[in-house]
Amino acid sequence: EFEYAQKAMQLGVVNYLLKPVDKHKLVQA
């Protein structure tokens, strides 16, 4: 949902991953 991602960016979150999270994407993030 966009509103969550938007709020996260406002708080300075550096990445936003959706479940199920791939192991390689987690490590890259």
PDB file of all heavy atoms in Angstrom:
ATOM      1  N   GLU A   1       0.831  -1.197   0.000  1.00  0.00           N
ATOM      2  CA  GLU A   1       0.000   0.000   0.000  1.00  0.00           C
ATOM      3  C   GLU A   1       0.867   1.249   0.000  1.00  0.00           C
ATOM      4  O   GLU A   1       1.775   1.389   0.812  1.00  0.00           O
ATOM      5  CB  GLU A   1      -0.923  -0.005   1.220  1.00  0.00           C
ATOM      6  CG  GLU A   1      -1.879  -1.194   1.217  1.00  0.00           C
ATOM      7  CD  GLU A   1      -2.723  -1.237   2.469  1.00  0.00           C
ATOM      8  OE1 GLU A   1      -2.722  -0.242   3.219  1.00  0.00           O
ATOM      9  OE2 GLU A   1      -3.382  -2.262   2.697  1.00  0.00           O
ATOM     10  N   PHE A   2       0.547   2.172  -0.895  1.00  0.00           N
ATOM     11  CA  PHE A   2       1.367   3.356  -1.094  1.00  0.00           C
ATOM     12  C   PHE A   2       1.507   4.192   0.180  1.00  0.00           C
ATOM     13  O   PHE A   2       2.566   4.725   0.466  1.00  0.00           O
ATOM     14  CB  PHE A   2       0.774   4.217  -2.215  1.00  0.00           C
ATOM     15  CG  PHE A   2       1.505   5.523  -2.407  1.00  0.00           C
ATOM     16  CD1 PHE A   2       2.773   5.556  -2.965  1.00  0.00           C
ATOM     17  CD2 PHE A   2       0.932   6.725  -2.006  1.00  0.00           C
ATOM     18  CE1 PHE A   2       3.449   6.744  -3.125  1.00  0.00           C
ATOM     19  CE2 PHE A   2       1.608   7.921  -2.169  1.00  0.00           C
ATOM     20  CZ  PHE A   2       2.868   7.921  -2.732  1.00  0.00           C
ATOM     21  N   GLU A   3       0.414   4.301   0.951  1.00  0.00           N
ATOM     22  CA  GLU A   3       0.465   5.179   2.136  1.00  0.00           C
ATOM     23  C   GLU A   3       1.525   4.715   3.130  1.00  0.00           C
ATOM     24  O   GLU A   3       2.165   5.524   3.799  1.00  0.00           O
ATOM     25  CB  GLU A   3      -0.906   5.242   2.815  1.00  0.00           C
ATOM     26  CG  GLU A   3      -1.410   3.906   3.342  1.00  0.00           C
ATOM     27  CD  GLU A   3      -2.827   4.010   3.893  1.00  0.00           C
ATOM     28  OE1 GLU A   3      -3.770   3.930   3.095  1.00  0.00           O
ATOM     29  OE2 GLU A   3      -2.950   4.172   5.104  1.00  0.00           O
ATOM     30  N   TYR A   4       1.720   3.399   3.229  1.00  0.00           N
ATOM     31  CA  TYR A   4       2.746   2.890   4.144  1.00  0.00           C
ATOM     32  C   TYR A   4       4.138   3.238   3.617  1.00  0.00           C
ATOM     33  O   TYR A   4       5.009   3.687   4.365  1.00  0.00           O
ATOM     34  CB  TYR A   4       2.620   1.380   4.297  1.00  0.00           C
ATOM     35  CG  TYR A   4       1.428   0.948   5.116  1.00  0.00           C
ATOM     36  CD1 TYR A   4       0.452   0.137   4.563  1.00  0.00           C
ATOM     37  CD2 TYR A   4       1.281   1.358   6.437  1.00  0.00           C
ATOM     38  CE1 TYR A   4      -0.655  -0.260   5.304  1.00  0.00           C
ATOM     39  CE2 TYR A   4       0.186   0.970   7.188  1.00  0.00           C
ATOM     40  CZ  TYR A   4      -0.783   0.159   6.619  1.00  0.00           C
ATOM     41  OH  TYR A   4      -1.859  -0.225   7.358  1.00  0.00           O
ATOM     42  N   ALA A   5       4.342   2.995   2.323  1.00  0.00           N
ATOM     43  CA  ALA A   5       5.643   3.295   1.725  1.00  0.00           C
ATOM     44  C   ALA A   5       5.950   4.784   1.838  1.00  0.00           C
ATOM     45  O   ALA A   5       7.071   5.182   2.144  1.00  0.00           O
ATOM     46  CB  ALA A   5       5.649   2.862   0.260  1.00  0.00           C
ATOM     47  N   GLN A   6       4.930   5.613   1.610  1.00  0.00           N
ATOM     48  CA  GLN A   6       5.118   7.061   1.690  1.00  0.00           C
ATOM     49  C   GLN A   6       5.516   7.489   3.100  1.00  0.00           C
ATOM     50  O   GLN A   6       6.441   8.278   3.290  1.00  0.00           O
ATOM     51  CB  GLN A   6       3.825   7.763   1.270  1.00  0.00           C
ATOM     52  CG  GLN A   6       3.959   9.287   1.180  1.00  0.00           C
ATOM     53  CD  GLN A   6       2.656   9.932   0.755  1.00  0.00           C
ATOM     54  OE1 GLN A   6       1.587   9.580   1.248  1.00  0.00           O
ATOM     55  NE2 GLN A   6       2.736  10.876  -0.167  1.00  0.00           N
ATOM     56  N   LYS A   7       4.827   6.966   4.097  1.00  0.00           N
ATOM     57  CA  LYS A   7       5.144   7.287   5.479  1.00  0.00           C
ATOM     58  C   LYS A   7       6.541   6.801   5.839  1.00  0.00           C
ATOM     59  O   LYS A   7       7.306   7.493   6.517  1.00  0.00           O
ATOM     60  CB  LYS A   7       4.108   6.630   6.413  1.00  0.00           C
ATOM     61  CG  LYS A   7       4.360   6.852   7.893  1.00  0.00           C
ATOM     62  CD  LYS A   7       4.248   8.311   8.280  1.00  0.00           C
ATOM     63  CE  LYS A   7       4.333   8.473   9.798  1.00  0.00           C
ATOM     64  NZ  LYS A   7       4.292   9.892  10.207  1.00  0.00           N
ATOM     65  N   ALA A   8       6.887   5.603   5.347  1.00  0.00           N
ATOM     66  CA  ALA A   8       8.208   5.045   5.618  1.00  0.00           C
ATOM     67  C   ALA A   8       9.306   5.945   5.050  1.00  0.00           C
ATOM     68  O   ALA A   8      10.314   6.209   5.706  1.00  0.00           O
ATOM     69  CB  ALA A   8       8.324   3.641   5.017  1.00  0.00           C
ATOM     70  N   MET A   9       9.102   6.442   3.829  1.00  0.00           N
ATOM     71  CA  MET A   9      10.094   7.315   3.206  1.00  0.00           C
ATOM     72  C   MET A   9      10.232   8.620   3.990  1.00  0.00           C
ATOM     73  O   MET A   9      11.319   9.166   4.138  1.00  0.00           O
ATOM     74  CB  MET A   9       9.717   7.608   1.753  1.00  0.00           C
ATOM     75  CG  MET A   9       9.747   6.396   0.829  1.00  0.00           C
ATOM     76  SD  MET A   9      11.326   5.493   0.849  1.00  0.00           S
ATOM     77  CE  MET A   9      10.826   3.959   1.630  1.00  0.00           C
ATOM     78  N   GLN A  10       9.118   9.119   4.511  1.00  0.00           N
ATOM     79  CA  GLN A  10       9.161  10.351   5.300  1.00  0.00           C
ATOM     80  C   GLN A  10       9.994  10.156   6.568  1.00  0.00           C
ATOM     81  O   GLN A  10      10.601  11.102   7.080  1.00  0.00           O
ATOM     82  CB  GLN A  10       7.739  10.786   5.671  1.00  0.00           C
ATOM     83  CG  GLN A  10       6.922  11.308   4.491  1.00  0.00           C
ATOM     84  CD  GLN A  10       5.460  11.539   4.848  1.00  0.00           C
ATOM     85  OE1 GLN A  10       5.001  11.158   5.928  1.00  0.00           O
ATOM     86  NE2 GLN A  10       4.717  12.153   3.938  1.00  0.00           N
ATOM     87  N   LEU A  11      10.011   8.937   7.077  1.00  0.00           N
ATOM     88  CA  LEU A  11      10.771   8.636   8.287  1.00  0.00           C
ATOM     89  C   LEU A  11      12.225   8.274   7.983  1.00  0.00           C
ATOM     90  O   LEU A  11      12.984   7.932   8.884  1.00  0.00           O
ATOM     91  CB  LEU A  11      10.109   7.480   9.051  1.00  0.00           C
ATOM     92  CG  LEU A  11       8.763   7.799   9.706  1.00  0.00           C
ATOM     93  CD1 LEU A  11       8.134   6.531  10.273  1.00  0.00           C
ATOM     94  CD2 LEU A  11       8.925   8.848  10.799  1.00  0.00           C
ATOM     95  N   GLY A  12      12.588   8.339   6.710  1.00  0.00           N
ATOM     96  CA  GLY A  12      13.976   8.065   6.358  1.00  0.00           C
ATOM     97  C   GLY A  12      14.306   6.594   6.198  1.00  0.00           C
ATOM     98  O   GLY A  12      15.469   6.208   6.219  1.00  0.00           O
ATOM     99  N   VAL A  13      13.270   5.744   6.034  1.00  0.00           N
ATOM    100  CA  VAL A  13      13.512   4.318   5.819  1.00  0.00           C
ATOM    101  C   VAL A  13      14.253   4.151   4.496  1.00  0.00           C
ATOM    102  O   VAL A  13      13.884   4.752   3.487  1.00  0.00           O
ATOM    103  CB  VAL A  13      12.174   3.545   5.793  1.00  0.00           C
ATOM    104  CG1 VAL A  13      12.391   2.099   5.384  1.00  0.00           C
ATOM    105  CG2 VAL A  13      11.518   3.612   7.165  1.00  0.00           C
ATOM    106  N   VAL A  14      15.311   3.324   4.482  1.00  0.00           N
ATOM    107  CA  VAL A  14      16.145   3.226   3.284  1.00  0.00           C
ATOM    108  C   VAL A  14      15.666   2.153   2.308  1.00  0.00           C
ATOM    109  O   VAL A  14      16.107   2.126   1.160  1.00  0.00           O
ATOM    110  CB  VAL A  14      17.630   2.973   3.652  1.00  0.00           C
ATOM    111  CG1 VAL A  14      18.178   4.144   4.436  1.00  0.00           C
ATOM    112  CG2 VAL A  14      17.800   1.679   4.421  1.00  0.00           C
ATOM    113  N   ASN A  15      14.773   1.258   2.751  1.00  0.00           N
ATOM    114  CA  ASN A  15      14.234   0.264   1.829  1.00  0.00           C
ATOM    115  C   ASN A  15      12.896  -0.257   2.344  1.00  0.00           C
ATOM    116  O   ASN A  15      12.629  -0.226   3.552  1.00  0.00           O
ATOM    117  CB  ASN A  15      15.201  -0.892   1.632  1.00  0.00           C
ATOM    118  CG  ASN A  15      15.216  -1.383   0.181  1.00  0.00           C
ATOM    119  OD1 ASN A  15      14.172  -1.477  -0.448  1.00  0.00           O
ATOM    120  ND2 ASN A  15      16.408  -1.670  -0.335  1.00  0.00           N
ATOM    121  N   TYR A  16      12.091  -0.750   1.419  1.00  0.00           N
ATOM    122  CA  TYR A  16      10.734  -1.220   1.733  1.00  0.00           C
ATOM    123  C   TYR A  16      10.547  -2.531   0.974  1.00  0.00           C
ATOM    124  O   TYR A  16      10.473  -2.538  -0.256  1.00  0.00           O
ATOM    125  CB  TYR A  16       9.737  -0.156   1.254  1.00  0.00           C
ATOM    126  CG  TYR A  16       8.283  -0.425   1.556  1.00  0.00           C
ATOM    127  CD1 TYR A  16       7.689   0.095   2.709  1.00  0.00           C
ATOM    128  CD2 TYR A  16       7.489  -1.159   0.678  1.00  0.00           C
ATOM    129  CE1 TYR A  16       6.337  -0.124   2.968  1.00  0.00           C
ATOM    130  CE2 TYR A  16       6.144  -1.379   0.935  1.00  0.00           C
ATOM    131  CZ  TYR A  16       5.581  -0.858   2.088  1.00  0.00           C
ATOM    132  OH  TYR A  16       4.243  -1.065   2.348  1.00  0.00           O
ATOM    133  N   LEU A  17      10.539  -3.657   1.688  1.00  0.00           N
ATOM    134  CA  LEU A  17      10.465  -4.975   1.064  1.00  0.00           C
ATOM    135  C   LEU A  17       9.120  -5.630   1.336  1.00  0.00           C
ATOM    136  O   LEU A  17       8.601  -5.565   2.452  1.00  0.00           O
ATOM    137  CB  LEU A  17      11.590  -5.878   1.597  1.00  0.00           C
ATOM    138  CG  LEU A  17      13.027  -5.375   1.397  1.00  0.00           C
ATOM    139  CD1 LEU A  17      14.004  -6.353   2.048  1.00  0.00           C
ATOM    140  CD2 LEU A  17      13.347  -5.194  -0.075  1.00  0.00           C
ATOM    141  N   LEU A  18       8.579  -6.287   0.317  1.00  0.00           N
ATOM    142  CA  LEU A  18       7.293  -6.970   0.448  1.00  0.00           C
ATOM    143  C   LEU A  18       7.487  -8.459   0.713  1.00  0.00           C
ATOM    144  O   LEU A  18       8.365  -9.096   0.127  1.00  0.00           O
ATOM    145  CB  LEU A  18       6.461  -6.784  -0.822  1.00  0.00           C
ATOM    146  CG  LEU A  18       5.978  -5.355  -1.117  1.00  0.00           C
ATOM    147  CD1 LEU A  18       5.254  -5.330  -2.458  1.00  0.00           C
ATOM    148  CD2 LEU A  18       5.069  -4.851  -0.010  1.00  0.00           C
ATOM    149  N   LYS A  19       6.644  -9.000   1.617  1.00  0.00           N
ATOM    150  CA  LYS A  19       6.667 -10.438   1.878  1.00  0.00           C
ATOM    151  C   LYS A  19       6.000 -11.177   0.701  1.00  0.00           C
ATOM    152  O   LYS A  19       5.065 -10.647   0.094  1.00  0.00           O
ATOM    153  CB  LYS A  19       5.908 -10.751   3.170  1.00  0.00           C
ATOM    154  CG  LYS A  19       6.559 -10.203   4.433  1.00  0.00           C
ATOM    155  CD  LYS A  19       5.715 -10.576   5.644  1.00  0.00           C
ATOM    156  CE  LYS A  19       6.321 -10.056   6.933  1.00  0.00           C
ATOM    157  NZ  LYS A  19       5.487 -10.376   8.118  1.00  0.00           N
ATOM    158  N   PRO A  20       6.438 -12.395   0.419  1.00  0.00           N
ATOM    159  CA  PRO A  20       7.579 -13.092   1.020  1.00  0.00           C
ATOM    160  C   PRO A  20       8.901 -12.488   0.517  1.00  0.00           C
ATOM    161  O   PRO A  20       9.023 -12.195  -0.672  1.00  0.00           O
ATOM    162  CB  PRO A  20       7.409 -14.532   0.546  1.00  0.00           C
ATOM    163  CG  PRO A  20       6.657 -14.409  -0.741  1.00  0.00           C
ATOM    164  CD  PRO A  20       5.748 -13.242  -0.584  1.00  0.00           C
ATOM    165  N   VAL A  21       9.830 -12.314   1.424  1.00  0.00           N
ATOM    166  CA  VAL A  21      11.089 -11.648   1.085  1.00  0.00           C
ATOM    167  C   VAL A  21      12.123 -12.673   0.614  1.00  0.00           C
ATOM    168  O   VAL A  21      12.428 -13.629   1.328  1.00  0.00           O
ATOM    169  CB  VAL A  21      11.644 -10.878   2.299  1.00  0.00           C
ATOM    170  CG1 VAL A  21      12.971 -10.216   1.942  1.00  0.00           C
ATOM    171  CG2 VAL A  21      10.644  -9.830   2.767  1.00  0.00           C
ATOM    172  N   ASP A  22      12.637 -12.447  -0.579  1.00  0.00           N
ATOM    173  CA  ASP A  22      13.704 -13.296  -1.112  1.00  0.00           C
ATOM    174  C   ASP A  22      14.988 -13.069  -0.313  1.00  0.00           C
ATOM    175  O   ASP A  22      15.333 -11.931   0.021  1.00  0.00           O
ATOM    176  CB  ASP A  22      13.938 -12.942  -2.582  1.00  0.00           C
ATOM    177  CG  ASP A  22      15.068 -13.738  -3.201  1.00  0.00           C
ATOM    178  OD1 ASP A  22      14.850 -14.896  -3.575  1.00  0.00           O
ATOM    179  OD2 ASP A  22      16.182 -13.172  -3.285  1.00  0.00           O
ATOM    180  N   LYS A  23      15.701 -14.145   0.023  1.00  0.00           N
ATOM    181  CA  LYS A  23      16.914 -14.045   0.837  1.00  0.00           C
ATOM    182  C   LYS A  23      17.943 -13.112   0.208  1.00  0.00           C
ATOM    183  O   LYS A  23      18.569 -12.302   0.898  1.00  0.00           O
ATOM    184  CB  LYS A  23      17.538 -15.429   1.038  1.00  0.00           C
ATOM    185  CG  LYS A  23      16.729 -16.361   1.924  1.00  0.00           C
ATOM    186  CD  LYS A  23      17.450 -17.684   2.093  1.00  0.00           C
ATOM    187  CE  LYS A  23      16.652 -18.632   2.991  1.00  0.00           C
ATOM    188  NZ  LYS A  23      17.338 -19.930   3.172  1.00  0.00           N
ATOM    189  N   HIS A  24      18.125 -13.221  -1.102  1.00  0.00           N
ATOM    190  CA  HIS A  24      19.126 -12.382  -1.771  1.00  0.00           C
ATOM    191  C   HIS A  24      18.725 -10.910  -1.737  1.00  0.00           C
ATOM    192  O   HIS A  24      19.576 -10.032  -1.553  1.00  0.00           O
ATOM    193  CB  HIS A  24      19.312 -12.847  -3.221  1.00  0.00           C
ATOM    194  CG  HIS A  24      19.861 -14.237  -3.339  1.00  0.00           C
ATOM    195  ND1 HIS A  24      21.126 -14.582  -2.908  1.00  0.00           N
ATOM    196  CD2 HIS A  24      19.295 -15.379  -3.809  1.00  0.00           C
ATOM    197  CE1 HIS A  24      21.328 -15.866  -3.124  1.00  0.00           C
ATOM    198  NE2 HIS A  24      20.236 -16.389  -3.663  1.00  0.00           N
ATOM    199  N   LYS A  25      17.427 -10.641  -1.894  1.00  0.00           N
ATOM    200  CA  LYS A  25      16.962  -9.249  -1.827  1.00  0.00           C
ATOM    201  C   LYS A  25      17.135  -8.687  -0.420  1.00  0.00           C
ATOM    202  O   LYS A  25      17.449  -7.502  -0.246  1.00  0.00           O
ATOM    203  CB  LYS A  25      15.503  -9.162  -2.264  1.00  0.00           C
ATOM    204  CG  LYS A  25      15.295  -9.327  -3.757  1.00  0.00           C
ATOM    205  CD  LYS A  25      13.854  -9.079  -4.149  1.00  0.00           C
ATOM    206  CE  LYS A  25      13.678  -9.169  -5.660  1.00  0.00           C
ATOM    207  NZ  LYS A  25      12.278  -8.932  -6.079  1.00  0.00           N
ATOM    208  N   LEU A  26      16.922  -9.531   0.588  1.00  0.00           N
ATOM    209  CA  LEU A  26      17.112  -9.095   1.969  1.00  0.00           C
ATOM    210  C   LEU A  26      18.564  -8.709   2.208  1.00  0.00           C
ATOM    211  O   LEU A  26      18.858  -7.639   2.750  1.00  0.00           O
ATOM    212  CB  LEU A  26      16.705 -10.204   2.940  1.00  0.00           C
ATOM    213  CG  LEU A  26      16.995  -9.935   4.429  1.00  0.00           C
ATOM    214  CD1 LEU A  26      16.186  -8.744   4.935  1.00  0.00           C
ATOM    215  CD2 LEU A  26      16.697 -11.182   5.266  1.00  0.00           C
ATOM    216  N   VAL A  27      19.474  -9.569   1.772  1.00  0.00           N
ATOM    217  CA  VAL A  27      20.904  -9.301   1.963  1.00  0.00           C
ATOM    218  C   VAL A  27      21.321  -8.039   1.204  1.00  0.00           C
ATOM    219  O   VAL A  27      22.070  -7.196   1.729  1.00  0.00           O
ATOM    220  CB  VAL A  27      21.754 -10.512   1.515  1.00  0.00           C
ATOM    221  CG1 VAL A  27      23.231 -10.133   1.431  1.00  0.00           C
ATOM    222  CG2 VAL A  27      21.563 -11.669   2.491  1.00  0.00           C
ATOM    223  N   GLN A  28      20.829  -7.886  -0.026  1.00  0.00           N
ATOM    224  CA  GLN A  28      21.156  -6.685  -0.808  1.00  0.00           C
ATOM    225  C   GLN A  28      20.665  -5.418  -0.109  1.00  0.00           C
ATOM    226  O   GLN A  28      21.376  -4.405  -0.058  1.00  0.00           O
ATOM    227  CB  GLN A  28      20.534  -6.779  -2.198  1.00  0.00           C
ATOM    228  CG  GLN A  28      21.219  -7.773  -3.120  1.00  0.00           C
ATOM    229  CD  GLN A  28      20.519  -7.916  -4.457  1.00  0.00           C
ATOM    230  OE1 GLN A  28      19.417  -7.389  -4.658  1.00  0.00           O
ATOM    231  NE2 GLN A  28      21.136  -8.632  -5.383  1.00  0.00           N
ATOM    232  N   ALA A  29      19.448  -5.491   0.442  1.00  0.00           N
ATOM    233  CA  ALA A  29      18.881  -4.335   1.143  1.00  0.00           C
ATOM    234  C   ALA A  29      19.693  -4.008   2.394  1.00  0.00           C
ATOM    235  O   ALA A  29      19.935  -2.836   2.710  1.00  0.00           O
ATOM    236  CB  ALA A  29      17.425  -4.610   1.522  1.00  0.00           C
TER     237      ALA A  29
END
